Amino acid sequence: MENNNEQITQELEQMRQQLEILNRKLDNEMEVHMHQVHKYMDKVDAEMWRNIRMPLILTPFILINMINMGSSWWVSLFLLVLMGHVVCCNIYIRRLLHAKEWYIHKNLVETRQHVVKAHRLYCYLRFFDLLAAMVWLMLFCYDLSLHKDPEHMQYVWWGIAVGLLVGVPIGVYKFVRTSRHWDNLLRNIHELEADN
């Protein structure tokens, strides 16, 4: 009888040790996923910060060139409104993602809600930016064609073509890279939820 009790006690002790090992492994996996969530949250945040800085840096140079080319005031105003919209929306998305309390305290439901909402807004913003930039470019070309002779417009067309050939691939690359960060962030949050 004592042998049976000792054997049961040993088996229970082995099971307890195995449970401790399993709990440590699960905790380690959760820490790895939390680290990945922090990493991709920081990458998305850095992309948002770049999307705020670039319009603030480029807009004055674009406006100076537009004034030198003899562009109308309403085209410049449209550009200012467009850039202001881009900056304000990116600041809002960044603030939506920047509430660190919810992912430090591992509130995954709220984290997922914030990230999904911010990602949806980011995609809508990119689509709106593309449409608005095309409208602005057409208005800019139309406005210049009213003020410039055809010989000068030829140089404007060359400049626009070079700008599009350089700018479109850069924009697509940035969008794909940022989308990859968003996807990795959502996948890691999902894996972390599955572990809990």
N, C-alpha and C. Protein backbone atom coordinates (compact mmCIF):
# COMPACT_ATOMS: atom_id res chain seq x y z
N MET A 1 0.82 -1.20 0.00
CA MET A 1 0.00 0.00 0.00
C MET A 1 0.86 1.26 0.00
N GLU A 2 1.90 1.21 0.81
CA GLU A 2 2.80 2.37 0.86
C GLU A 2 3.49 2.56 -0.48
N ASN A 3 3.86 1.44 -1.14
CA ASN A 3 4.50 1.54 -2.46
C ASN A 3 3.57 2.20 -3.46
N ASN A 4 2.28 1.85 -3.40
CA ASN A 4 1.30 2.46 -4.30
C ASN A 4 1.20 3.96 -4.05
N ASN A 5 1.15 4.35 -2.77
CA ASN A 5 1.07 5.77 -2.42
C ASN A 5 2.32 6.52 -2.89
N GLU A 6 3.48 5.89 -2.71
CA GLU A 6 4.73 6.52 -3.15
C GLU A 6 4.74 6.66 -4.67
N GLN A 7 4.28 5.63 -5.34
CA GLN A 7 4.26 5.65 -6.81
C GLN A 7 3.30 6.74 -7.31
N ILE A 8 2.13 6.84 -6.69
CA ILE A 8 1.16 7.87 -7.06
C ILE A 8 1.74 9.25 -6.80
N THR A 9 2.42 9.40 -5.65
CA THR A 9 3.04 10.68 -5.30
C THR A 9 4.11 11.06 -6.33
N GLN A 10 4.92 10.09 -6.73
CA GLN A 10 5.96 10.35 -7.73
C GLN A 10 5.35 10.73 -9.08
N GLU A 11 4.29 10.03 -9.46
CA GLU A 11 3.63 10.35 -10.73
C GLU A 11 3.02 11.75 -10.70
N LEU A 12 2.40 12.08 -9.56
CA LEU A 12 1.85 13.43 -9.42
C LEU A 12 2.93 14.49 -9.47
N GLU A 13 4.06 14.21 -8.85
CA GLU A 13 5.19 15.15 -8.87
C GLU A 13 5.72 15.32 -10.29
N GLN A 14 5.80 14.22 -11.04
CA GLN A 14 6.25 14.30 -12.43
C GLN A 14 5.26 15.10 -13.28
N MET A 15 3.97 14.88 -13.05
CA MET A 15 2.97 15.64 -13.78
C MET A 15 3.04 17.12 -13.46
N ARG A 16 3.26 17.43 -12.15
CA ARG A 16 3.39 18.83 -11.75
C ARG A 16 4.59 19.48 -12.44
N GLN A 17 5.73 18.76 -12.50
CA GLN A 17 6.92 19.29 -13.16
C GLN A 17 6.68 19.49 -14.66
N GLN A 18 5.97 18.54 -15.28
CA GLN A 18 5.68 18.68 -16.70
C GLN A 18 4.75 19.87 -16.97
N LEU A 19 3.79 20.07 -16.06
CA LEU A 19 2.91 21.24 -16.19
C LEU A 19 3.68 22.55 -16.05
N GLU A 20 4.64 22.58 -15.13
CA GLU A 20 5.47 23.78 -14.97
C GLU A 20 6.28 24.05 -16.22
N ILE A 21 6.85 22.99 -16.80
CA ILE A 21 7.63 23.14 -18.04
C ILE A 21 6.73 23.65 -19.16
N LEU A 22 5.51 23.09 -19.28
CA LEU A 22 4.58 23.51 -20.30
C LEU A 22 4.16 24.98 -20.11
N ASN A 23 3.91 25.37 -18.85
CA ASN A 23 3.55 26.77 -18.57
C ASN A 23 4.68 27.72 -18.93
N ARG A 24 5.93 27.31 -18.63
CA ARG A 24 7.08 28.14 -18.99
C ARG A 24 7.19 28.30 -20.50
N LYS A 25 6.95 27.19 -21.23
CA LYS A 25 7.01 27.26 -22.70
C LYS A 25 5.93 28.19 -23.24
N LEU A 26 4.72 28.07 -22.69
CA LEU A 26 3.63 28.93 -23.14
C LEU A 26 3.92 30.40 -22.85
N ASP A 27 4.47 30.67 -21.65
CA ASP A 27 4.84 32.04 -21.31
C ASP A 27 5.90 32.57 -22.26
N ASN A 28 6.88 31.72 -22.58
CA ASN A 28 7.94 32.14 -23.52
C ASN A 28 7.35 32.44 -24.90
N GLU A 29 6.43 31.57 -25.37
CA GLU A 29 5.80 31.81 -26.66
C GLU A 29 5.01 33.11 -26.65
N MET A 30 4.30 33.36 -25.56
CA MET A 30 3.53 34.59 -25.45
C MET A 30 4.45 35.80 -25.47
N GLU A 31 5.59 35.71 -24.79
CA GLU A 31 6.55 36.81 -24.79
C GLU A 31 7.09 37.05 -26.19
N VAL A 32 7.35 35.96 -26.94
CA VAL A 32 7.83 36.10 -28.32
C VAL A 32 6.79 36.82 -29.17
N HIS A 33 5.51 36.42 -29.04
CA HIS A 33 4.46 37.07 -29.81
C HIS A 33 4.29 38.53 -29.39
N MET A 34 4.36 38.80 -28.09
CA MET A 34 4.26 40.20 -27.63
C MET A 34 5.41 41.03 -28.19
N HIS A 35 6.60 40.43 -28.22
CA HIS A 35 7.75 41.13 -28.79
C HIS A 35 7.51 41.44 -30.27
N GLN A 36 6.94 40.47 -31.00
CA GLN A 36 6.63 40.68 -32.42
C GLN A 36 5.56 41.77 -32.59
N VAL A 37 4.55 41.77 -31.71
CA VAL A 37 3.52 42.80 -31.78
C VAL A 37 4.15 44.18 -31.57
N HIS A 38 5.01 44.30 -30.56
CA HIS A 38 5.70 45.57 -30.30
C HIS A 38 6.54 45.98 -31.51
N LYS A 39 7.25 45.01 -32.09
CA LYS A 39 8.14 45.29 -33.22
C LYS A 39 7.37 45.83 -34.41
N TYR A 40 6.27 45.16 -34.78
CA TYR A 40 5.51 45.61 -35.95
C TYR A 40 4.68 46.85 -35.64
N MET A 41 4.28 47.02 -34.37
CA MET A 41 3.60 48.25 -33.99
C MET A 41 4.55 49.44 -34.17
N ASP A 42 5.82 49.25 -33.79
CA ASP A 42 6.82 50.31 -33.97
C ASP A 42 7.09 50.58 -35.44
N LYS A 43 7.11 49.52 -36.28
CA LYS A 43 7.34 49.72 -37.71
C LYS A 43 6.19 50.49 -38.35
N VAL A 44 4.96 50.13 -38.00
CA VAL A 44 3.81 50.85 -38.54
C VAL A 44 3.82 52.30 -38.07
N ASP A 45 4.16 52.50 -36.80
CA ASP A 45 4.24 53.85 -36.24
C ASP A 45 5.30 54.67 -36.98
N ALA A 46 6.44 54.06 -37.30
CA ALA A 46 7.49 54.77 -38.04
C ALA A 46 7.02 55.16 -39.44
N GLU A 47 6.25 54.27 -40.09
CA GLU A 47 5.70 54.59 -41.41
C GLU A 47 4.74 55.77 -41.31
N MET A 48 3.90 55.77 -40.29
CA MET A 48 2.96 56.89 -40.12
C MET A 48 3.72 58.20 -39.89
N TRP A 49 4.81 58.12 -39.12
CA TRP A 49 5.60 59.32 -38.85
C TRP A 49 6.24 59.84 -40.13
N ARG A 50 6.71 58.92 -41.01
CA ARG A 50 7.25 59.34 -42.31
C ARG A 50 6.17 60.00 -43.16
N ASN A 51 4.95 59.44 -43.10
CA ASN A 51 3.84 60.00 -43.88
C ASN A 51 3.43 61.38 -43.38
N ILE A 52 3.80 61.72 -42.15
CA ILE A 52 3.53 63.06 -41.63
C ILE A 52 4.66 64.01 -42.03
N ARG A 53 5.90 63.55 -41.91
CA ARG A 53 7.05 64.41 -42.19
C ARG A 53 7.19 64.79 -43.65
N MET A 54 7.02 63.82 -44.55
CA MET A 54 7.28 64.07 -45.98
C MET A 54 6.42 65.21 -46.55
N PRO A 55 5.10 65.22 -46.33
CA PRO A 55 4.33 66.36 -46.87
C PRO A 55 4.75 67.69 -46.25
N LEU A 56 5.10 67.67 -44.95
CA LEU A 56 5.52 68.92 -44.32
C LEU A 56 6.83 69.44 -44.90
N ILE A 57 7.70 68.53 -45.31
CA ILE A 57 8.99 68.94 -45.89
C ILE A 57 8.82 69.34 -47.35
N LEU A 58 8.05 68.57 -48.13
CA LEU A 58 7.97 68.79 -49.58
C LEU A 58 7.03 69.92 -49.99
N THR A 59 5.97 70.16 -49.23
CA THR A 59 4.96 71.14 -49.65
C THR A 59 5.53 72.54 -49.89
N PRO A 60 6.38 73.09 -49.01
CA PRO A 60 6.93 74.43 -49.30
C PRO A 60 7.71 74.48 -50.62
N PHE A 61 8.51 73.44 -50.91
CA PHE A 61 9.27 73.43 -52.17
C PHE A 61 8.35 73.37 -53.38
N ILE A 62 7.30 72.56 -53.28
CA ILE A 62 6.34 72.45 -54.39
C ILE A 62 5.63 73.78 -54.60
N LEU A 63 5.22 74.42 -53.50
CA LEU A 63 4.51 75.70 -53.63
C LEU A 63 5.41 76.78 -54.24
N ILE A 64 6.68 76.82 -53.84
CA ILE A 64 7.61 77.81 -54.40
C ILE A 64 7.76 77.60 -55.91
N ASN A 65 7.90 76.33 -56.33
CA ASN A 65 8.01 76.05 -57.76
C ASN A 65 6.73 76.38 -58.51
N MET A 66 5.59 76.14 -57.89
CA MET A 66 4.32 76.46 -58.54
C MET A 66 4.18 77.97 -58.73
N ILE A 67 4.58 78.74 -57.73
CA ILE A 67 4.51 80.21 -57.84
C ILE A 67 5.45 80.70 -58.94
N ASN A 68 6.66 80.10 -59.00
CA ASN A 68 7.62 80.49 -60.05
C ASN A 68 7.12 80.13 -61.44
N MET A 69 6.32 79.09 -61.56
CA MET A 69 5.79 78.68 -62.85
C MET A 69 4.55 79.48 -63.25
N GLY A 70 4.04 80.29 -62.35
CA GLY A 70 2.88 81.12 -62.66
C GLY A 70 1.56 80.41 -62.45
N SER A 71 1.53 79.45 -61.55
CA SER A 71 0.30 78.72 -61.28
C SER A 71 -0.69 79.59 -60.52
N SER A 72 -1.98 79.31 -60.68
CA SER A 72 -3.03 80.10 -60.01
C SER A 72 -3.07 79.80 -58.52
N TRP A 73 -3.63 80.74 -57.77
CA TRP A 73 -3.69 80.61 -56.31
C TRP A 73 -4.58 79.45 -55.88
N TRP A 74 -5.66 79.18 -56.66
CA TRP A 74 -6.60 78.13 -56.25
C TRP A 74 -5.98 76.74 -56.38
N VAL A 75 -5.04 76.56 -57.31
CA VAL A 75 -4.35 75.27 -57.42
C VAL A 75 -3.42 75.08 -56.22
N SER A 76 -2.76 76.17 -55.82
CA SER A 76 -1.90 76.11 -54.63
C SER A 76 -2.72 75.84 -53.36
N LEU A 77 -3.89 76.48 -53.29
CA LEU A 77 -4.77 76.27 -52.13
C LEU A 77 -5.25 74.82 -52.08
N PHE A 78 -5.59 74.27 -53.24
CA PHE A 78 -6.02 72.86 -53.31
C PHE A 78 -4.89 71.96 -52.81
N LEU A 79 -3.65 72.25 -53.22
CA LEU A 79 -2.51 71.45 -52.76
C LEU A 79 -2.35 71.56 -51.24
N LEU A 80 -2.48 72.77 -50.70
CA LEU A 80 -2.35 72.95 -49.24
C LEU A 80 -3.43 72.18 -48.49
N VAL A 81 -4.67 72.22 -48.98
CA VAL A 81 -5.76 71.48 -48.33
C VAL A 81 -5.49 69.98 -48.41
N LEU A 82 -5.04 69.51 -49.56
CA LEU A 82 -4.75 68.09 -49.73
C LEU A 82 -3.65 67.63 -48.79
N MET A 83 -2.56 68.38 -48.72
CA MET A 83 -1.45 68.01 -47.83
C MET A 83 -1.86 68.11 -46.36
N GLY A 84 -2.67 69.12 -46.02
CA GLY A 84 -3.16 69.23 -44.65
C GLY A 84 -4.02 68.04 -44.27
N HIS A 85 -4.86 67.58 -45.21
CA HIS A 85 -5.69 66.40 -44.97
C HIS A 85 -4.82 65.18 -44.73
N VAL A 86 -3.80 64.99 -45.56
CA VAL A 86 -2.90 63.84 -45.42
C VAL A 86 -2.22 63.85 -44.05
N VAL A 87 -1.69 65.00 -43.66
CA VAL A 87 -0.99 65.10 -42.38
C VAL A 87 -1.94 64.84 -41.21
N CYS A 88 -3.12 65.46 -41.23
CA CYS A 88 -4.08 65.28 -40.13
C CYS A 88 -4.54 63.83 -40.01
N CYS A 89 -4.82 63.18 -41.14
CA CYS A 89 -5.27 61.79 -41.09
C CYS A 89 -4.18 60.86 -40.57
N ASN A 90 -2.94 61.10 -40.98
CA ASN A 90 -1.84 60.27 -40.48
C ASN A 90 -1.58 60.50 -39.00
N ILE A 91 -1.76 61.73 -38.54
CA ILE A 91 -1.62 62.00 -37.09
C ILE A 91 -2.71 61.25 -36.33
N TYR A 92 -3.94 61.26 -36.87
CA TYR A 92 -5.04 60.55 -36.21
C TYR A 92 -4.76 59.05 -36.16
N ILE A 93 -4.32 58.47 -37.28
CA ILE A 93 -4.03 57.03 -37.31
C ILE A 93 -2.90 56.71 -36.33
N ARG A 94 -1.89 57.55 -36.30
CA ARG A 94 -0.77 57.32 -35.39
C ARG A 94 -1.22 57.38 -33.93
N ARG A 95 -2.09 58.32 -33.61
CA ARG A 95 -2.61 58.39 -32.22
C ARG A 95 -3.45 57.18 -31.88
N LEU A 96 -4.20 56.70 -32.86
CA LEU A 96 -5.01 55.51 -32.66
C LEU A 96 -4.14 54.30 -32.32
N LEU A 97 -2.97 54.24 -32.94
CA LEU A 97 -2.04 53.13 -32.69
C LEU A 97 -1.12 53.38 -31.50
N HIS A 98 -1.03 54.62 -31.07
CA HIS A 98 0.00 54.98 -30.10
C HIS A 98 -0.43 54.80 -28.65
N ALA A 99 -1.67 54.35 -28.41
CA ALA A 99 -2.13 54.16 -27.03
C ALA A 99 -1.48 52.90 -26.47
N LYS A 100 -0.26 53.03 -25.97
CA LYS A 100 0.55 51.86 -25.61
C LYS A 100 -0.04 51.06 -24.46
N GLU A 101 -0.94 51.68 -23.66
CA GLU A 101 -1.46 50.93 -22.52
C GLU A 101 -2.10 49.62 -22.93
N TRP A 102 -2.84 49.63 -24.07
CA TRP A 102 -3.58 48.43 -24.38
C TRP A 102 -2.73 47.30 -24.88
N TYR A 103 -1.58 47.56 -25.50
CA TYR A 103 -0.79 46.38 -25.85
C TYR A 103 0.29 46.08 -24.83
N ILE A 104 0.60 47.00 -23.93
CA ILE A 104 1.51 46.66 -22.82
C ILE A 104 0.77 45.80 -21.80
N HIS A 105 -0.50 46.13 -21.55
CA HIS A 105 -1.29 45.35 -20.59
C HIS A 105 -1.94 44.12 -21.22
N LYS A 106 -1.61 43.83 -22.46
CA LYS A 106 -2.04 42.60 -23.16
C LYS A 106 -3.55 42.50 -23.28
N ASN A 107 -4.20 43.65 -23.48
CA ASN A 107 -5.63 43.64 -23.75
C ASN A 107 -5.81 43.43 -25.25
N LEU A 108 -5.87 42.15 -25.66
CA LEU A 108 -5.80 41.81 -27.08
C LEU A 108 -7.06 42.19 -27.85
N VAL A 109 -8.20 42.14 -27.21
CA VAL A 109 -9.44 42.49 -27.90
C VAL A 109 -9.40 43.96 -28.31
N GLU A 110 -9.02 44.82 -27.37
CA GLU A 110 -8.95 46.25 -27.67
C GLU A 110 -7.83 46.54 -28.66
N THR A 111 -6.71 45.83 -28.52
CA THR A 111 -5.60 46.00 -29.45
C THR A 111 -6.04 45.69 -30.87
N ARG A 112 -6.71 44.55 -31.03
CA ARG A 112 -7.17 44.15 -32.37
C ARG A 112 -8.13 45.20 -32.93
N GLN A 113 -9.06 45.69 -32.10
CA GLN A 113 -10.02 46.69 -32.57
C GLN A 113 -9.31 47.95 -33.06
N HIS A 114 -8.33 48.43 -32.28
CA HIS A 114 -7.59 49.63 -32.67
C HIS A 114 -6.81 49.40 -33.96
N VAL A 115 -6.15 48.26 -34.06
CA VAL A 115 -5.31 47.99 -35.23
C VAL A 115 -6.17 47.82 -36.48
N VAL A 116 -7.28 47.09 -36.39
CA VAL A 116 -8.15 46.90 -37.55
C VAL A 116 -8.74 48.24 -38.00
N LYS A 117 -9.19 49.05 -37.05
CA LYS A 117 -9.75 50.36 -37.40
C LYS A 117 -8.69 51.25 -38.04
N ALA A 118 -7.48 51.26 -37.48
CA ALA A 118 -6.40 52.09 -38.03
C ALA A 118 -6.00 51.60 -39.42
N HIS A 119 -5.96 50.29 -39.62
CA HIS A 119 -5.60 49.74 -40.93
C HIS A 119 -6.64 50.09 -41.98
N ARG A 120 -7.90 49.99 -41.62
CA ARG A 120 -8.97 50.35 -42.55
C ARG A 120 -8.87 51.83 -42.93
N LEU A 121 -8.66 52.69 -41.94
CA LEU A 121 -8.51 54.12 -42.22
C LEU A 121 -7.30 54.39 -43.11
N TYR A 122 -6.20 53.68 -42.86
CA TYR A 122 -5.00 53.85 -43.66
C TYR A 122 -5.28 53.49 -45.13
N CYS A 123 -5.98 52.39 -45.38
CA CYS A 123 -6.29 51.99 -46.76
C CYS A 123 -7.22 53.01 -47.43
N TYR A 124 -8.25 53.48 -46.71
CA TYR A 124 -9.14 54.50 -47.26
C TYR A 124 -8.36 55.78 -47.58
N LEU A 125 -7.47 56.16 -46.69
CA LEU A 125 -6.68 57.37 -46.88
C LEU A 125 -5.81 57.25 -48.13
N ARG A 126 -5.17 56.11 -48.32
CA ARG A 126 -4.31 55.92 -49.49
C ARG A 126 -5.13 56.00 -50.78
N PHE A 127 -6.32 55.40 -50.78
CA PHE A 127 -7.18 55.44 -51.96
C PHE A 127 -7.62 56.87 -52.25
N PHE A 128 -8.05 57.60 -51.21
CA PHE A 128 -8.46 58.99 -51.38
C PHE A 128 -7.29 59.85 -51.85
N ASP A 129 -6.10 59.64 -51.27
CA ASP A 129 -4.91 60.41 -51.66
C ASP A 129 -4.60 60.23 -53.14
N LEU A 130 -4.70 59.00 -53.61
CA LEU A 130 -4.41 58.73 -55.01
C LEU A 130 -5.38 59.46 -55.93
N LEU A 131 -6.68 59.38 -55.61
CA LEU A 131 -7.68 60.08 -56.43
C LEU A 131 -7.48 61.60 -56.38
N ALA A 132 -7.26 62.13 -55.17
CA ALA A 132 -7.09 63.58 -55.03
C ALA A 132 -5.83 64.06 -55.73
N ALA A 133 -4.74 63.27 -55.68
CA ALA A 133 -3.50 63.66 -56.36
C ALA A 133 -3.69 63.67 -57.87
N MET A 134 -4.46 62.72 -58.41
CA MET A 134 -4.72 62.72 -59.85
C MET A 134 -5.55 63.93 -60.25
N VAL A 135 -6.56 64.26 -59.44
CA VAL A 135 -7.39 65.44 -59.73
C VAL A 135 -6.53 66.70 -59.67
N TRP A 136 -5.68 66.80 -58.63
CA TRP A 136 -4.82 67.98 -58.50
C TRP A 136 -3.87 68.09 -59.69
N LEU A 137 -3.29 66.98 -60.13
CA LEU A 137 -2.36 67.01 -61.25
C LEU A 137 -3.05 67.46 -62.53
N MET A 138 -4.28 66.99 -62.75
CA MET A 138 -5.02 67.43 -63.95
C MET A 138 -5.35 68.93 -63.88
N LEU A 139 -5.75 69.39 -62.70
CA LEU A 139 -6.04 70.82 -62.55
C LEU A 139 -4.78 71.66 -62.72
N PHE A 140 -3.67 71.18 -62.19
CA PHE A 140 -2.40 71.88 -62.32
C PHE A 140 -1.99 71.99 -63.79
N CYS A 141 -2.10 70.88 -64.54
CA CYS A 141 -1.76 70.91 -65.97
C CYS A 141 -2.69 71.82 -66.75
N TYR A 142 -3.97 71.75 -66.44
CA TYR A 142 -4.94 72.62 -67.12
C TYR A 142 -4.63 74.09 -66.84
N ASP A 143 -4.35 74.41 -65.58
CA ASP A 143 -4.05 75.78 -65.20
C ASP A 143 -2.79 76.28 -65.90
N LEU A 144 -1.75 75.47 -65.96
CA LEU A 144 -0.52 75.89 -66.63
C LEU A 144 -0.72 76.05 -68.14
N SER A 145 -1.55 75.20 -68.73
CA SER A 145 -1.77 75.30 -70.17
C SER A 145 -2.48 76.61 -70.54
N LEU A 146 -3.21 77.20 -69.58
CA LEU A 146 -3.86 78.50 -69.83
C LEU A 146 -2.85 79.64 -69.82
N HIS A 147 -1.75 79.49 -69.03
CA HIS A 147 -0.78 80.58 -68.86
C HIS A 147 0.48 80.42 -69.70
N LYS A 148 0.80 79.20 -70.08
CA LYS A 148 2.08 78.95 -70.76
C LYS A 148 1.85 78.69 -72.24
N ASP A 149 2.86 79.03 -73.04
CA ASP A 149 2.77 78.70 -74.46
C ASP A 149 3.16 77.23 -74.65
N PRO A 150 2.80 76.65 -75.80
CA PRO A 150 3.03 75.21 -76.02
C PRO A 150 4.50 74.80 -75.89
N GLU A 151 5.42 75.70 -76.23
CA GLU A 151 6.85 75.34 -76.13
C GLU A 151 7.26 75.12 -74.67
N HIS A 152 6.80 76.00 -73.79
CA HIS A 152 7.11 75.84 -72.36
C HIS A 152 6.37 74.64 -71.77
N MET A 153 5.16 74.39 -72.26
CA MET A 153 4.39 73.26 -71.74
C MET A 153 5.06 71.92 -72.04
N GLN A 154 5.84 71.89 -73.13
CA GLN A 154 6.54 70.65 -73.45
C GLN A 154 7.48 70.26 -72.31
N TYR A 155 8.17 71.23 -71.72
CA TYR A 155 9.07 70.94 -70.59
C TYR A 155 8.28 70.53 -69.35
N VAL A 156 7.10 71.14 -69.18
CA VAL A 156 6.25 70.76 -68.05
C VAL A 156 5.82 69.30 -68.19
N TRP A 157 5.42 68.90 -69.42
CA TRP A 157 5.01 67.51 -69.64
C TRP A 157 6.16 66.54 -69.36
N TRP A 158 7.37 66.92 -69.79
CA TRP A 158 8.53 66.06 -69.52
C TRP A 158 8.76 65.94 -68.01
N GLY A 159 8.64 67.06 -67.32
CA GLY A 159 8.83 67.03 -65.86
C GLY A 159 7.79 66.17 -65.16
N ILE A 160 6.55 66.28 -65.62
CA ILE A 160 5.48 65.46 -65.03
C ILE A 160 5.72 63.98 -65.30
N ALA A 161 6.13 63.66 -66.54
CA ALA A 161 6.38 62.26 -66.90
C ALA A 161 7.51 61.67 -66.05
N VAL A 162 8.60 62.43 -65.88
CA VAL A 162 9.72 61.94 -65.05
C VAL A 162 9.28 61.79 -63.61
N GLY A 163 8.51 62.78 -63.11
CA GLY A 163 8.01 62.71 -61.74
C GLY A 163 7.14 61.49 -61.50
N LEU A 164 6.27 61.18 -62.48
CA LEU A 164 5.41 60.00 -62.34
C LEU A 164 6.22 58.71 -62.43
N LEU A 165 7.20 58.66 -63.34
CA LEU A 165 8.03 57.46 -63.48
C LEU A 165 8.84 57.17 -62.22
N VAL A 166 9.22 58.21 -61.50
CA VAL A 166 9.98 58.02 -60.26
C VAL A 166 9.04 57.86 -59.07
N GLY A 167 8.00 58.71 -59.01
CA GLY A 167 7.14 58.75 -57.83
C GLY A 167 6.19 57.57 -57.67
N VAL A 168 5.64 57.08 -58.78
CA VAL A 168 4.67 55.98 -58.68
C VAL A 168 5.32 54.70 -58.12
N PRO A 169 6.48 54.26 -58.64
CA PRO A 169 7.10 53.05 -58.05
C PRO A 169 7.46 53.23 -56.57
N ILE A 170 7.92 54.43 -56.20
CA ILE A 170 8.25 54.68 -54.79
C ILE A 170 6.98 54.59 -53.94
N GLY A 171 5.89 55.18 -54.42
CA GLY A 171 4.62 55.12 -53.69
C GLY A 171 4.10 53.70 -53.55
N VAL A 172 4.18 52.93 -54.63
CA VAL A 172 3.73 51.54 -54.58
C VAL A 172 4.58 50.73 -53.61
N TYR A 173 5.91 50.94 -53.66
CA TYR A 173 6.81 50.23 -52.74
C TYR A 173 6.49 50.56 -51.29
N LYS A 174 6.28 51.85 -51.00
CA LYS A 174 5.95 52.25 -49.63
C LYS A 174 4.63 51.65 -49.17
N PHE A 175 3.64 51.63 -50.07
CA PHE A 175 2.33 51.07 -49.71
C PHE A 175 2.45 49.57 -49.44
N VAL A 176 3.17 48.85 -50.29
CA VAL A 176 3.33 47.40 -50.10
C VAL A 176 4.09 47.11 -48.81
N ARG A 177 5.16 47.87 -48.56
CA ARG A 177 5.95 47.66 -47.33
C ARG A 177 5.11 47.92 -46.09
N THR A 178 4.36 49.01 -46.10
CA THR A 178 3.52 49.33 -44.93
C THR A 178 2.42 48.30 -44.77
N SER A 179 1.81 47.84 -45.88
CA SER A 179 0.77 46.82 -45.79
C SER A 179 1.33 45.52 -45.21
N ARG A 180 2.58 45.20 -45.55
CA ARG A 180 3.21 44.00 -44.99
C ARG A 180 3.36 44.15 -43.47
N HIS A 181 3.73 45.34 -43.01
CA HIS A 181 3.84 45.58 -41.56
C HIS A 181 2.47 45.43 -40.88
N TRP A 182 1.43 45.99 -41.50
CA TRP A 182 0.07 45.86 -40.95
C TRP A 182 -0.32 44.38 -40.86
N ASP A 183 -0.08 43.63 -41.96
CA ASP A 183 -0.45 42.21 -41.99
C ASP A 183 0.29 41.42 -40.92
N ASN A 184 1.59 41.68 -40.77
CA ASN A 184 2.37 40.99 -39.74
C ASN A 184 1.87 41.33 -38.34
N LEU A 185 1.52 42.58 -38.14
CA LEU A 185 1.00 43.00 -36.84
C LEU A 185 -0.31 42.28 -36.52
N LEU A 186 -1.23 42.24 -37.48
CA LEU A 186 -2.51 41.56 -37.24
C LEU A 186 -2.32 40.06 -37.05
N ARG A 187 -1.40 39.46 -37.82
CA ARG A 187 -1.15 38.02 -37.67
C ARG A 187 -0.58 37.70 -36.29
N ASN A 188 0.34 38.54 -35.80
CA ASN A 188 0.92 38.29 -34.47
C ASN A 188 -0.11 38.48 -33.37
N ILE A 189 -1.00 39.43 -33.52
CA ILE A 189 -2.07 39.61 -32.53
C ILE A 189 -2.97 38.38 -32.53
N HIS A 190 -3.28 37.88 -33.73
CA HIS A 190 -4.12 36.69 -33.84
C HIS A 190 -3.43 35.47 -33.18
N GLU A 191 -2.13 35.30 -33.44
CA GLU A 191 -1.40 34.18 -32.83
C GLU A 191 -1.35 34.32 -31.30
N LEU A 192 -1.21 35.55 -30.85
CA LEU A 192 -1.19 35.79 -29.40
C LEU A 192 -2.53 35.47 -28.78
N GLU A 193 -3.63 35.83 -29.48
CA GLU A 193 -4.97 35.49 -28.99
C GLU A 193 -5.16 33.97 -28.96
N ALA A 194 -4.64 33.28 -29.97
CA ALA A 194 -4.78 31.82 -30.02
C ALA A 194 -4.03 31.15 -28.88
N ASP A 195 -2.91 31.75 -28.45
CA ASP A 195 -2.13 31.18 -27.34
C ASP A 195 -2.83 31.35 -26.00
N ASN A 196 -3.67 32.40 -25.89
CA ASN A 196 -4.31 32.67 -24.59
C ASN A 196 -5.51 31.80 -24.35
